[in-house]
Amino acid sequence: MAVRARLSPRARSQAVSSLELPVYAPSLLAERLWNLIPLSLSLLLVSFIFWGPFYAPVAFAVLSMAFFTYWFIRSYSVAIACVYGLWRMRRWERIDWRIRFAAWLPAHPATEAWDWPRHMVIIPNYKESETGLSRTLDSLAAQDNAAQLVVVMAMEAREPGSAEKATRLVNRYRPRFAKMFATFHPEGLPNETPGKGSNEAWGAREAYLYLIEDGHDDIGRYTVTSCDADAVFHPRHFRALNYLFLTARDRYRTFWQPTIFNSNNIWDIPAPLRIPDGLSGINRLSNLLLPGSVKFPTSCYSLSWQMLNEVDYWDEEVIPEDWHLFLKCSYTLGNRVHVESLFLPLGNDCVLTDGYWKTLRAHYAQSVRHAWGASDIPYAWRSALNRRSPLRWPRKLVLAISVTKVHVLWVAQWYIVTLGLLLPSKMAGSMGAPLPNWWTHRYPVPGPGWHPENLFHPSTWNNFDKTGVVESTMWINLPGVLIALCIFPLLTMIALELIQRGKRPAYVSRWTYVTGLLMWPLMAVITFFFASLPALSAQWKLASGRGLVYRVAEKGSRGVPSVAAIPTGHAVEADAIRVVGGQ
């Protein structure tokens, strides 16, 4: 089958053609300089721990105290937000959204009917197992309003057997949806980076040709949901989205973000990985509720097809497509672009391969890819400086600063919370760092005091005082008090994560559960290797111009069954399948 034109002229937006906000800087040198920003800021913060107590002691004390105060406030805010967020999720799971719409409708008689919207779900995939894709499709087929869904299997043409796999899936599932078809993203297109963004951009444009250009459908009634190939949707997800789309004050400038948890196979992964994967969902939930925080769409999200079309879809050369699309929409279309929460859980898979250490390495590689979002820092600041952008200056700065803060602290906060407490006190005591007394003054508190520097002197190991490794009394300074108090919200978040994870499956041993709990004292070590270090690696690659190769993370599960069985009495002949794009 011949490859069709990538984009209809009528699909291009006037806003995009007039603004032409660049992804990259005008020259190679300028691009390299812009890409130095994330690493430079991260290294500046980390190195400040070593030279700040000597050369800027007052500034160091004030700034570090400000950070630890921020950390203290944020820890308790996140814990409170998580409690409230889980309560809201449970409440949303009980809502009949069609009944709620019927109650809302009398006051808004001009609103379209309940069945008017169509929800297009794009599932970009490459070398995903048919079983795994079936699980995602099962969760879509189990939706109460599955007849309103249009499912696009965004295949990669370079994958051997992709056409046959798509044919089998479309044969099986098409009767459950309004429409279902496959697209095939060609290999080697110019100015593209292979990955999720380039694949779903191709799929959305092919869908435009098929549904809008040829089918003469109304683009204004469509939402587009970008999801991962392992996503498992809540049975009421698209009913809730249908309600939110119909009742939104500004439906064509809104992203809808569900609460995503890496929960599908969390019991199957190595115990150390259950800490970052488990807490990631809790943190995502809290970010949807924290006052003053900037909401970004992440991983699986929905928006109107009209807005997506206005900005000319995802940028094919960008790997972190979710945040980038939100920034692109905001800087291109103005202040009205925003994110609304959809408080229903959506399950994703954790990285899982066929070996313990192989899984750890694969998770590290995935963390590097996620941290590649630091490439959005130069884009955000360049777009903020573009005077043709309709976005107001306060919002420009808020977005650029938010993106910068997240990715810089991704690297630096581990060093600040650990070394930033220990080293300056040691420097002041033994190296004469002139830190203010209110910062260095130590308060005795119950518990063992640790002196890891004495590990290098075996003769002192048996001393239970300041000259040994451990002494009977723990001494902490004022920032240390704030960090110590953060243990309570941390324990709250751990409890909430275990509650959200649900009951231990029958195939999981009690020992597996216990080993997961025993990992929590090693949280500092685990977060270094699976958060801070991969983020530093990503920023180093970005600054050095080495780039990043998009590698699909291996995922799977021993114990997650299909969500719903699909009736077999509605088979579709293979030659009746509408497969656009491809081979």
Protein backbone atom coordinates (compact mmCIF):
# COMPACT_ATOMS: atom_id res chain seq x y z
CA MET A 1 0.00 0.00 0.00
CA ALA A 2 1.44 3.38 -0.93
CA VAL A 3 2.21 5.88 1.80
CA ARG A 4 -0.19 8.78 1.77
CA ALA A 5 0.66 12.45 2.16
CA ARG A 6 1.70 13.19 5.70
CA LEU A 7 -0.48 16.20 6.27
CA SER A 8 -3.36 17.72 4.44
CA PRO A 9 -2.94 21.44 3.75
CA ARG A 10 -6.26 22.03 5.43
CA ALA A 11 -4.93 20.38 8.60
CA ARG A 12 -2.32 23.05 9.16
CA SER A 13 -3.02 25.81 11.65
CA GLN A 14 -2.79 29.49 10.97
CA ALA A 15 -1.37 29.96 14.43
CA VAL A 16 1.54 27.64 13.78
CA SER A 17 2.41 29.14 10.42
CA SER A 18 2.42 32.65 11.86
CA LEU A 19 4.38 31.90 15.01
CA GLU A 20 6.73 29.19 13.85
CA LEU A 21 8.08 28.57 17.35
CA PRO A 22 11.34 26.65 16.82
CA VAL A 23 12.21 23.41 18.51
CA TYR A 24 15.91 24.07 18.16
CA ALA A 25 18.09 27.16 18.18
CA PRO A 26 18.93 28.91 14.89
CA SER A 27 22.51 27.62 14.73
CA LEU A 28 24.41 24.57 15.91
CA LEU A 29 26.56 26.66 18.27
CA ALA A 30 23.51 28.37 19.76
CA GLU A 31 21.80 25.02 20.20
CA ARG A 32 24.85 23.61 22.03
CA LEU A 33 24.95 26.64 24.33
CA TRP A 34 21.25 26.36 25.12
CA ASN A 35 21.66 22.64 25.85
CA LEU A 36 24.36 23.44 28.40
CA ILE A 37 21.84 25.20 30.65
CA PRO A 38 20.35 22.16 32.49
CA LEU A 39 23.72 20.57 33.31
CA SER A 40 25.30 23.90 34.26
CA LEU A 41 22.53 24.75 36.72
CA SER A 42 22.55 21.26 38.23
CA LEU A 43 26.34 21.24 38.70
CA LEU A 44 26.24 24.76 40.14
CA LEU A 45 23.78 23.67 42.83
CA VAL A 46 25.68 20.48 43.63
CA SER A 47 29.10 22.18 43.74
CA PHE A 48 27.70 24.95 45.96
CA ILE A 49 27.62 22.37 48.77
CA PHE A 50 31.43 22.19 48.62
CA TRP A 51 32.52 25.78 48.04
CA GLY A 52 29.57 27.74 49.42
CA PRO A 53 30.40 27.24 53.15
CA PHE A 54 33.86 28.77 52.57
CA TYR A 55 33.32 31.53 50.01
CA ALA A 56 29.68 32.51 50.59
CA PRO A 57 28.82 31.19 54.07
CA VAL A 58 25.90 33.52 54.82
CA ALA A 59 24.36 33.03 51.37
CA PHE A 60 24.85 29.27 51.72
CA ALA A 61 23.19 29.20 55.14
CA VAL A 62 20.22 31.30 54.01
CA LEU A 63 19.70 29.47 50.72
CA SER A 64 20.08 26.00 52.23
CA MET A 65 17.68 26.93 55.03
CA ALA A 66 15.22 28.19 52.42
CA PHE A 67 15.50 24.90 50.53
CA PHE A 68 14.99 22.74 53.63
CA THR A 69 12.01 24.86 54.63
CA TYR A 70 10.61 24.35 51.11
CA TRP A 71 11.29 20.61 51.42
CA PHE A 72 9.50 20.50 54.79
CA ILE A 73 6.42 22.37 53.51
CA ARG A 74 6.29 20.35 50.30
CA SER A 75 6.58 17.02 52.14
CA TYR A 76 3.54 17.74 54.31
CA SER A 77 1.65 19.29 51.38
CA VAL A 78 2.24 16.18 49.25
CA ALA A 79 1.08 13.88 52.05
CA ILE A 80 -2.11 15.90 52.61
CA ALA A 81 -2.76 16.12 48.86
CA CYS A 82 -2.35 12.35 48.52
CA VAL A 83 -4.88 11.64 51.28
CA TYR A 84 -7.37 13.99 49.65
CA GLY A 85 -6.56 12.70 46.17
CA LEU A 86 -7.20 9.06 47.07
CA TRP A 87 -10.50 10.10 48.66
CA ARG A 88 -11.47 11.92 45.46
CA MET A 89 -10.54 8.89 43.36
CA ARG A 90 -12.78 6.64 45.41
CA ARG A 91 -15.58 9.18 45.05
CA TRP A 92 -15.12 9.47 41.27
CA GLU A 93 -15.23 5.69 40.91
CA ARG A 94 -18.78 5.72 42.28
CA ILE A 95 -20.15 8.49 40.06
CA ASP A 96 -22.56 7.68 37.23
CA TRP A 97 -21.38 10.29 34.76
CA ARG A 98 -24.35 10.04 32.42
CA ILE A 99 -26.74 10.72 35.29
CA ARG A 100 -24.60 13.65 36.38
CA PHE A 101 -24.71 15.01 32.82
CA ALA A 102 -28.50 14.67 32.75
CA ALA A 103 -28.68 16.71 35.97
CA TRP A 104 -26.37 19.36 34.50
CA LEU A 105 -28.12 19.58 31.13
CA PRO A 106 -31.31 21.54 32.05
CA ALA A 107 -29.26 24.60 32.96
CA HIS A 108 -27.34 24.34 29.68
CA PRO A 109 -29.93 23.49 27.01
CA ALA A 110 -27.68 24.41 24.07
CA THR A 111 -25.14 21.73 24.92
CA GLU A 112 -24.59 18.82 22.55
CA ALA A 113 -26.07 15.41 23.30
CA TRP A 114 -24.33 12.82 25.45
CA ASP A 115 -23.49 10.60 22.44
CA TRP A 116 -22.14 13.46 20.30
CA PRO A 117 -18.42 13.25 21.23
CA ARG A 118 -15.98 10.75 19.78
CA HIS A 119 -12.85 9.76 21.68
CA MET A 120 -9.89 8.74 19.55
CA VAL A 121 -7.31 6.65 21.38
CA ILE A 122 -3.88 6.43 19.74
CA ILE A 123 -1.81 3.44 20.87
CA PRO A 124 1.75 3.87 19.56
CA ASN A 125 3.65 0.62 19.83
CA TYR A 126 6.80 -1.08 18.62
CA LYS A 127 7.58 -4.76 19.22
CA GLU A 128 4.91 -4.91 21.92
CA SER A 129 3.51 -8.35 22.62
CA GLU A 130 0.07 -9.09 21.28
CA THR A 131 -0.94 -10.21 24.76
CA GLY A 132 0.08 -6.88 26.25
CA LEU A 133 -1.74 -4.89 23.56
CA SER A 134 -4.82 -7.05 24.09
CA ARG A 135 -4.84 -6.11 27.76
CA THR A 136 -4.96 -2.41 26.85
CA LEU A 137 -7.64 -3.05 24.22
CA ASP A 138 -9.62 -5.13 26.72
CA SER A 139 -9.72 -2.17 29.09
CA LEU A 140 -10.97 0.05 26.25
CA ALA A 141 -13.58 -2.49 25.15
CA ALA A 142 -14.82 -2.70 28.74
CA GLN A 143 -15.71 1.03 28.77
CA ASP A 144 -19.40 1.78 29.28
CA ASN A 145 -19.30 4.00 26.20
CA ALA A 146 -16.95 1.92 24.05
CA ALA A 147 -19.21 2.63 21.06
CA GLN A 148 -17.95 6.24 21.17
CA LEU A 149 -14.30 5.23 20.90
CA VAL A 150 -12.13 5.33 17.79
CA VAL A 151 -9.01 3.24 18.30
CA VAL A 152 -5.88 3.82 16.23
CA MET A 153 -3.19 1.14 16.37
CA ALA A 154 -0.12 3.24 15.59
CA MET A 155 2.30 0.60 14.31
CA GLU A 156 5.90 0.97 13.18
CA ALA A 157 6.43 -0.19 9.60
CA ARG A 158 9.97 -1.32 10.48
CA GLU A 159 8.65 -3.94 12.93
CA PRO A 160 8.54 -7.37 11.28
CA GLY A 161 5.04 -8.82 11.29
CA SER A 162 3.37 -5.56 12.36
CA ALA A 163 0.75 -5.73 9.59
CA GLU A 164 -0.27 -9.27 10.57
CA LYS A 165 -0.42 -8.35 14.25
CA ALA A 166 -2.55 -5.28 13.48
CA THR A 167 -4.89 -7.35 11.33
CA ARG A 168 -5.48 -9.88 14.09
CA LEU A 169 -6.14 -7.17 16.68
CA VAL A 170 -8.48 -5.19 14.45
CA ASN A 171 -10.32 -8.38 13.52
CA ARG A 172 -10.92 -9.15 17.15
CA TYR A 173 -11.74 -5.77 18.61
CA ARG A 174 -13.26 -3.57 15.89
CA PRO A 175 -16.89 -4.59 16.56
CA ARG A 176 -16.66 -3.10 20.07
CA PHE A 177 -15.73 0.41 18.94
CA ALA A 178 -17.11 3.11 16.67
CA LYS A 179 -14.07 2.59 14.43
CA MET A 180 -10.73 0.85 14.67
CA PHE A 181 -7.86 0.85 12.20
CA ALA A 182 -4.09 0.74 12.02
CA THR A 183 -1.49 3.15 10.72
CA PHE A 184 2.10 2.32 9.82
CA HIS A 185 4.82 4.85 10.56
CA PRO A 186 7.51 4.62 7.86
CA GLU A 187 11.17 4.32 8.82
CA GLY A 188 13.79 6.91 8.00
CA LEU A 189 11.67 10.01 7.48
CA PRO A 190 13.78 13.20 7.54
CA ASN A 191 14.07 15.24 10.75
CA GLU A 192 12.49 12.53 12.89
CA THR A 193 13.58 10.75 16.04
CA PRO A 194 12.09 7.26 16.30
CA GLY A 195 9.83 7.07 19.32
CA LYS A 196 6.36 7.58 20.71
CA GLY A 197 5.95 11.20 19.55
CA SER A 198 6.84 10.68 15.90
CA ASN A 199 4.71 7.53 15.69
CA GLU A 200 1.57 9.06 17.18
CA ALA A 201 2.03 12.23 15.10
CA TRP A 202 1.97 10.08 11.96
CA GLY A 203 -1.01 8.12 13.25
CA ALA A 204 -3.02 11.27 14.08
CA ARG A 205 -2.36 12.80 10.66
CA GLU A 206 -3.37 9.59 8.90
CA ALA A 207 -6.50 9.50 11.03
CA TYR A 208 -7.23 13.09 9.94
CA LEU A 209 -7.09 12.06 6.29
CA TYR A 210 -9.29 9.04 6.89
CA LEU A 211 -11.91 10.48 9.28
CA ILE A 212 -12.00 14.20 8.54
CA GLU A 213 -10.77 14.64 4.98
CA ASP A 214 -12.30 11.50 3.46
CA GLY A 215 -14.99 10.79 6.06
CA HIS A 216 -16.18 14.41 6.39
CA ASP A 217 -16.57 14.06 10.14
CA ASP A 218 -16.53 17.01 12.55
CA ILE A 219 -13.10 17.42 14.15
CA GLY A 220 -14.68 19.54 16.87
CA ARG A 221 -16.41 16.56 18.47
CA TYR A 222 -13.24 14.53 18.97
CA THR A 223 -10.90 14.16 21.88
CA VAL A 224 -7.52 12.50 21.33
CA THR A 225 -6.04 10.29 24.02
CA SER A 226 -2.33 9.59 23.88
CA CYS A 227 -1.50 6.48 25.85
CA ASP A 228 1.22 3.90 26.33
CA ALA A 229 0.84 0.42 24.90
CA ASP A 230 0.59 -1.02 28.43
CA ALA A 231 -2.12 1.32 29.74
CA VAL A 232 -5.08 -0.22 31.58
CA PHE A 233 -7.97 2.24 31.83
CA HIS A 234 -10.56 2.39 34.58
CA PRO A 235 -13.95 1.10 33.25
CA ARG A 236 -15.50 4.57 33.69
CA HIS A 237 -12.56 6.54 32.29
CA PHE A 238 -14.15 7.58 29.00
CA ARG A 239 -17.54 8.21 30.54
CA ALA A 240 -15.83 10.71 32.83
CA LEU A 241 -13.90 12.18 29.89
CA ASN A 242 -17.15 12.43 27.91
CA TYR A 243 -18.72 14.40 30.76
CA LEU A 244 -15.69 16.65 31.22
CA PHE A 245 -15.48 17.38 27.50
CA LEU A 246 -19.17 18.25 27.19
CA THR A 247 -19.27 20.44 30.31
CA ALA A 248 -15.87 22.14 29.98
CA ARG A 249 -15.86 25.92 29.82
CA ASP A 250 -13.03 25.85 27.30
CA ARG A 251 -12.96 22.35 25.81
CA TYR A 252 -10.63 23.31 22.95
CA ARG A 253 -7.89 24.57 25.25
CA THR A 254 -7.93 21.83 27.87
CA PHE A 255 -5.78 18.77 28.63
CA TRP A 256 -7.32 16.07 30.82
CA GLN A 257 -4.91 14.12 33.00
CA PRO A 258 -5.84 10.90 34.85
CA THR A 259 -4.04 9.64 37.94
CA ILE A 260 -1.39 7.24 36.65
CA PHE A 261 0.07 4.47 38.78
CA ASN A 262 2.79 2.03 37.80
CA SER A 263 0.69 -0.69 39.35
CA ASN A 264 -0.04 -3.32 36.71
CA ASN A 265 2.95 -5.52 37.52
CA ILE A 266 4.52 -3.83 40.56
CA TRP A 267 4.50 -7.10 42.52
CA ASP A 268 6.63 -8.78 39.85
CA ILE A 269 9.56 -6.34 39.72
CA PRO A 270 12.70 -6.41 41.91
CA ALA A 271 12.10 -5.10 45.42
CA PRO A 272 14.33 -1.99 45.08
CA LEU A 273 12.31 -0.77 42.10
CA ARG A 274 9.01 -0.86 43.97
CA ILE A 275 10.12 2.28 45.81
CA PRO A 276 10.55 4.68 42.83
CA ASP A 277 7.75 3.04 40.81
CA GLY A 278 5.34 3.04 43.73
CA LEU A 279 6.00 6.58 44.88
CA SER A 280 5.87 7.92 41.32
CA GLY A 281 2.10 7.41 41.23
CA ILE A 282 1.64 9.02 44.64
CA ASN A 283 3.66 12.04 43.53
CA ARG A 284 1.70 12.35 40.26
CA LEU A 285 -1.54 12.31 42.24
CA SER A 286 -0.34 15.03 44.61
CA ASN A 287 0.86 17.24 41.72
CA LEU A 288 -2.70 17.34 40.41
CA LEU A 289 -3.87 18.88 43.68
CA LEU A 290 -1.05 20.97 45.15
CA PRO A 291 -2.07 24.65 45.16
CA GLY A 292 0.16 26.82 43.03
CA SER A 293 1.80 23.90 41.24
CA VAL A 294 1.93 23.85 37.44
CA LYS A 295 0.13 20.82 36.05
CA PHE A 296 1.72 19.05 33.10
CA PRO A 297 0.20 16.19 31.10
CA THR A 298 2.18 13.00 31.61
CA SER A 299 2.36 9.70 29.73
CA CYS A 300 -1.37 9.16 29.18
CA TYR A 301 -3.56 12.23 28.66
CA SER A 302 -6.37 13.62 26.50
CA LEU A 303 -7.00 16.84 24.60
CA SER A 304 -9.31 18.06 21.87
CA TRP A 305 -8.36 17.04 18.36
CA GLN A 306 -9.03 20.61 17.28
CA MET A 307 -6.28 21.96 19.56
CA LEU A 308 -3.89 19.20 18.54
CA ASN A 309 -4.52 20.03 14.89
CA GLU A 310 -4.03 23.75 15.50
CA VAL A 311 -0.46 23.22 16.74
CA ASP A 312 0.38 20.71 13.97
CA TYR A 313 0.54 17.69 16.28
CA TRP A 314 3.57 16.35 18.16
CA ASP A 315 7.07 17.41 17.11
CA GLU A 316 8.65 14.33 15.51
CA GLU A 317 12.21 15.14 16.63
CA VAL A 318 11.29 15.35 20.32
CA ILE A 319 11.51 12.35 22.68
CA PRO A 320 9.69 13.73 25.80
CA GLU A 321 6.50 14.37 23.83
CA ASP A 322 4.03 14.90 26.70
CA TRP A 323 5.42 17.98 28.45
CA HIS A 324 6.67 19.31 25.14
CA LEU A 325 3.21 19.20 23.57
CA PHE A 326 1.76 21.13 26.51
CA LEU A 327 4.50 23.76 26.24
CA LYS A 328 3.98 23.96 22.47
CA CYS A 329 0.23 24.47 22.89
CA SER A 330 0.72 27.05 25.63
CA TYR A 331 3.34 29.16 23.85
CA THR A 332 1.48 28.90 20.54
CA LEU A 333 -2.15 29.36 21.62
CA GLY A 334 -1.90 31.50 24.74
CA ASN A 335 -3.03 31.60 28.36
CA ARG A 336 -6.21 29.59 28.00
CA VAL A 337 -4.33 26.29 27.63
CA HIS A 338 -4.48 24.38 30.91
CA VAL A 339 -4.66 20.92 32.49
CA GLU A 340 -7.68 19.56 34.34
CA SER A 341 -7.59 16.48 36.53
CA LEU A 342 -9.45 13.27 35.80
CA PHE A 343 -9.46 11.52 39.18
CA LEU A 344 -9.67 7.94 38.00
CA PRO A 345 -6.73 5.54 38.26
CA LEU A 346 -4.91 4.39 35.15
CA GLY A 347 -2.45 1.52 35.44
CA ASN A 348 0.86 1.31 33.60
CA ASP A 349 3.49 -1.42 33.60
CA CYS A 350 6.81 -1.17 35.38
CA VAL A 351 9.93 -2.19 33.50
CA LEU A 352 10.36 -5.97 33.73
CA THR A 353 12.70 -8.18 31.74
CA ASP A 354 13.80 -11.79 32.02
CA GLY A 355 16.41 -11.27 34.72
CA TYR A 356 16.87 -9.41 38.03
CA TRP A 357 19.94 -7.40 37.11
CA LYS A 358 18.76 -6.97 33.53
CA THR A 359 15.56 -5.41 34.89
CA LEU A 360 17.58 -3.01 37.04
CA ARG A 361 19.62 -1.94 34.01
CA ALA A 362 16.48 -1.54 31.88
CA HIS A 363 14.85 0.61 34.58
CA TYR A 364 17.96 2.80 34.70
CA ALA A 365 17.79 3.25 30.90
CA GLN A 366 14.12 4.18 31.14
CA SER A 367 14.94 6.72 33.88
CA VAL A 368 17.52 8.32 31.58
CA ARG A 369 14.89 8.57 28.83
CA HIS A 370 12.37 10.16 31.21
CA ALA A 371 15.01 12.63 32.39
CA TRP A 372 15.60 13.60 28.76
CA GLY A 373 12.75 16.02 29.39
CA ALA A 374 15.53 18.42 30.40
CA SER A 375 15.72 19.16 26.67
CA ASP A 376 12.50 21.13 27.18
CA ILE A 377 14.35 23.70 29.32
CA PRO A 378 16.02 25.41 26.33
CA TYR A 379 12.79 25.12 24.33
CA ALA A 380 10.73 26.70 27.13
CA TRP A 381 13.09 29.67 27.55
CA ARG A 382 13.50 30.26 23.81
CA SER A 383 9.74 30.17 23.37
CA ALA A 384 9.32 32.53 26.34
CA LEU A 385 11.60 35.01 24.60
CA ASN A 386 9.63 34.78 21.36
CA ARG A 387 7.68 38.03 21.17
CA ARG A 388 5.21 36.58 18.69
CA SER A 389 3.88 34.15 21.26
CA PRO A 390 0.42 35.20 22.54
CA LEU A 391 1.23 33.83 26.01
CA ARG A 392 1.47 36.58 28.62
CA TRP A 393 4.85 37.20 30.24
CA PRO A 394 3.91 35.97 33.75
CA ARG A 395 2.70 32.65 32.36
CA LYS A 396 5.76 32.36 30.11
CA LEU A 397 8.05 32.72 33.11
CA VAL A 398 5.99 30.36 35.28
CA LEU A 399 6.19 27.59 32.67
CA ALA A 400 9.89 28.06 31.93
CA ILE A 401 10.81 28.25 35.62
CA SER A 402 8.67 25.20 36.46
CA VAL A 403 10.30 23.05 33.79
CA THR A 404 13.75 24.22 34.89
CA LYS A 405 13.08 23.61 38.58
CA VAL A 406 11.79 20.07 38.09
CA HIS A 407 14.72 18.88 36.01
CA VAL A 408 17.48 20.68 37.91
CA LEU A 409 16.21 19.44 41.27
CA TRP A 410 15.85 15.99 39.72
CA VAL A 411 19.65 15.90 39.79
CA ALA A 412 20.53 18.20 42.67
CA GLN A 413 18.01 17.53 45.44
CA TRP A 414 19.56 14.18 46.38
CA TYR A 415 22.92 15.84 46.99
CA ILE A 416 21.34 18.75 48.86
CA VAL A 417 19.30 16.55 51.23
CA THR A 418 22.17 14.13 51.95
CA LEU A 419 25.56 15.82 51.51
CA GLY A 420 24.11 19.28 52.05
CA LEU A 421 23.34 18.34 55.65
CA LEU A 422 26.48 16.36 56.46
CA LEU A 423 29.39 18.04 54.72
CA PRO A 424 28.89 21.71 55.70
CA SER A 425 28.71 20.76 59.40
CA LYS A 426 31.91 18.74 59.10
CA MET A 427 33.55 21.58 57.20
CA ALA A 428 32.64 24.09 59.88
CA GLY A 429 33.88 21.83 62.66
CA SER A 430 37.14 20.53 61.21
CA MET A 431 38.00 22.80 58.28
CA GLY A 432 36.96 26.17 59.66
CA ALA A 433 34.13 27.00 57.29
CA PRO A 434 32.72 30.30 58.67
CA LEU A 435 29.06 29.31 58.69
CA PRO A 436 26.69 31.25 61.00
CA ASN A 437 26.22 29.79 64.45
CA TRP A 438 22.45 29.44 64.01
CA TRP A 439 23.15 27.02 61.12
CA THR A 440 25.96 25.00 62.72
CA HIS A 441 24.56 24.79 66.26
CA ARG A 442 23.73 21.15 66.95
CA TYR A 443 20.82 19.90 69.04
CA PRO A 444 20.88 16.51 70.79
CA VAL A 445 17.99 14.21 69.90
CA PRO A 446 17.31 10.55 70.77
CA GLY A 447 18.89 8.00 68.48
CA PRO A 448 22.32 6.93 67.20
CA GLY A 449 24.66 9.52 65.78
CA TRP A 450 26.49 8.46 62.63
CA HIS A 451 30.03 9.47 61.69
CA PRO A 452 30.66 7.79 58.33
CA GLU A 453 34.01 9.60 57.91
CA ASN A 454 35.41 7.33 60.64
CA LEU A 455 34.80 4.23 58.55
CA PHE A 456 38.26 4.81 57.12
CA HIS A 457 39.84 4.39 60.58
CA PRO A 458 39.27 0.80 61.78
CA SER A 459 40.91 1.51 65.12
CA THR A 460 37.94 3.72 66.07
CA TRP A 461 35.18 1.28 65.14
CA ASN A 462 34.71 0.13 68.73
CA ASN A 463 34.43 3.66 70.07
CA PHE A 464 30.89 4.72 70.86
CA ASP A 465 31.46 8.44 70.84
CA LYS A 466 32.33 11.14 68.31
CA THR A 467 35.55 9.34 67.45
CA GLY A 468 33.73 6.19 66.32
CA VAL A 469 31.32 5.33 63.60
CA VAL A 470 28.32 5.41 65.92
CA GLU A 471 27.67 7.29 69.13
CA SER A 472 24.74 7.02 71.48
CA THR A 473 23.39 10.52 70.82
CA MET A 474 22.32 12.00 67.51
CA TRP A 475 23.15 15.65 66.90
CA ILE A 476 21.42 17.63 64.22
CA ASN A 477 21.40 21.25 63.21
CA LEU A 478 18.38 23.37 62.36
CA PRO A 479 18.07 22.14 58.73
CA GLY A 480 18.48 18.61 60.07
CA VAL A 481 15.49 19.14 62.36
CA LEU A 482 13.35 20.03 59.35
CA ILE A 483 14.53 16.96 57.43
CA ALA A 484 13.96 14.70 60.45
CA LEU A 485 10.38 15.95 60.72
CA CYS A 486 9.81 14.95 57.09
CA ILE A 487 9.85 11.29 58.14
CA PHE A 488 6.17 11.57 59.13
CA PRO A 489 4.79 12.60 55.71
CA LEU A 490 7.14 10.02 54.13
CA LEU A 491 5.60 7.28 56.28
CA THR A 492 2.16 8.56 55.28
CA MET A 493 3.02 8.35 51.58
CA ILE A 494 4.43 4.83 52.03
CA ALA A 495 1.18 3.74 53.70
CA LEU A 496 -0.92 5.37 50.98
CA GLU A 497 1.13 3.70 48.26
CA LEU A 498 0.62 0.29 49.86
CA ILE A 499 -3.12 0.97 50.15
CA GLN A 500 -3.36 2.05 46.51
CA ARG A 501 -1.31 -0.95 45.38
CA GLY A 502 -4.01 -3.21 46.74
CA LYS A 503 -3.99 -6.69 48.20
CA ARG A 504 -1.01 -8.94 47.59
CA PRO A 505 -1.82 -11.36 44.76
CA ALA A 506 -1.96 -15.05 45.59
CA TYR A 507 1.06 -15.86 43.44
CA VAL A 508 3.23 -13.36 45.36
CA SER A 509 4.89 -14.80 48.46
CA ARG A 510 4.89 -13.12 51.85
CA TRP A 511 8.68 -12.93 51.60
CA THR A 512 8.34 -10.79 48.46
CA TYR A 513 6.14 -8.41 50.43
CA VAL A 514 8.60 -8.31 53.33
CA THR A 515 11.63 -7.69 51.11
CA GLY A 516 9.80 -4.71 49.61
CA LEU A 517 9.34 -3.23 53.08
CA LEU A 518 12.98 -3.89 53.96
CA MET A 519 14.06 -1.75 51.00
CA TRP A 520 12.71 1.47 52.48
CA PRO A 521 15.73 2.09 54.76
CA LEU A 522 17.81 2.02 51.57
CA MET A 523 15.63 4.66 49.93
CA ALA A 524 18.49 7.19 49.72
CA VAL A 525 20.72 4.71 47.85
CA ILE A 526 17.92 3.60 45.52
CA THR A 527 16.85 7.12 44.60
CA PHE A 528 20.45 8.02 43.80
CA PHE A 529 20.84 5.21 41.27
CA PHE A 530 17.36 5.43 39.75
CA ALA A 531 16.63 9.16 39.90
CA SER A 532 19.56 11.51 40.45
CA LEU A 533 22.26 9.61 38.54
CA PRO A 534 20.18 8.88 35.38
CA ALA A 535 19.02 12.52 35.36
CA LEU A 536 22.65 13.65 35.50
CA SER A 537 23.49 11.21 32.70
CA ALA A 538 20.68 12.60 30.53
CA GLN A 539 21.80 16.18 31.07
CA TRP A 540 25.41 15.24 30.31
CA LYS A 541 24.35 13.59 27.03
CA LEU A 542 22.29 16.65 26.16
CA ALA A 543 25.14 19.07 26.89
CA SER A 544 27.72 17.02 25.02
CA GLY A 545 25.52 16.68 21.95
CA ARG A 546 25.55 12.88 22.11
CA GLY A 547 21.78 12.62 21.86
CA LEU A 548 19.58 9.81 23.10
CA VAL A 549 18.40 6.69 21.32
CA TYR A 550 14.76 5.86 22.10
CA ARG A 551 14.65 2.26 23.31
CA VAL A 552 11.33 0.62 24.15
CA ALA A 553 11.44 -0.65 27.73
CA GLU A 554 10.62 -4.33 28.16
CA LYS A 555 7.53 -4.87 30.28
CA GLY A 556 5.36 -7.75 31.31
CA SER A 557 3.63 -9.48 34.18
CA ARG A 558 3.03 -12.88 35.67
CA GLY A 559 -0.24 -12.08 37.29
CA VAL A 560 -2.24 -9.38 35.48
CA PRO A 561 -5.17 -10.96 33.62
CA SER A 562 -7.09 -9.48 30.76
CA VAL A 563 -9.59 -6.91 31.94
CA ALA A 564 -12.52 -8.15 29.94
CA ALA A 565 -13.22 -10.93 27.52
CA ILE A 566 -14.28 -9.92 24.04
CA PRO A 567 -17.12 -11.84 22.47
CA THR A 568 -16.02 -13.99 19.57
CA GLY A 569 -19.30 -14.05 17.77
CA HIS A 570 -18.62 -10.84 15.84
CA ALA A 571 -15.62 -11.73 13.76
CA VAL A 572 -14.61 -9.40 10.95
CA GLU A 573 -13.02 -10.61 7.77
CA ALA A 574 -9.45 -9.51 7.29
CA ASP A 575 -10.08 -7.93 3.93
CA ALA A 576 -12.70 -5.63 5.49
CA ILE A 577 -10.20 -3.98 7.78
CA ARG A 578 -9.37 -0.38 7.06
CA VAL A 579 -5.59 -0.12 7.42
CA VAL A 580 -4.24 3.24 6.36
CA GLY A 581 -0.74 4.46 5.86
CA GLY A 582 1.74 1.68 5.59
CA GLN A 583 3.07 -1.04 3.59
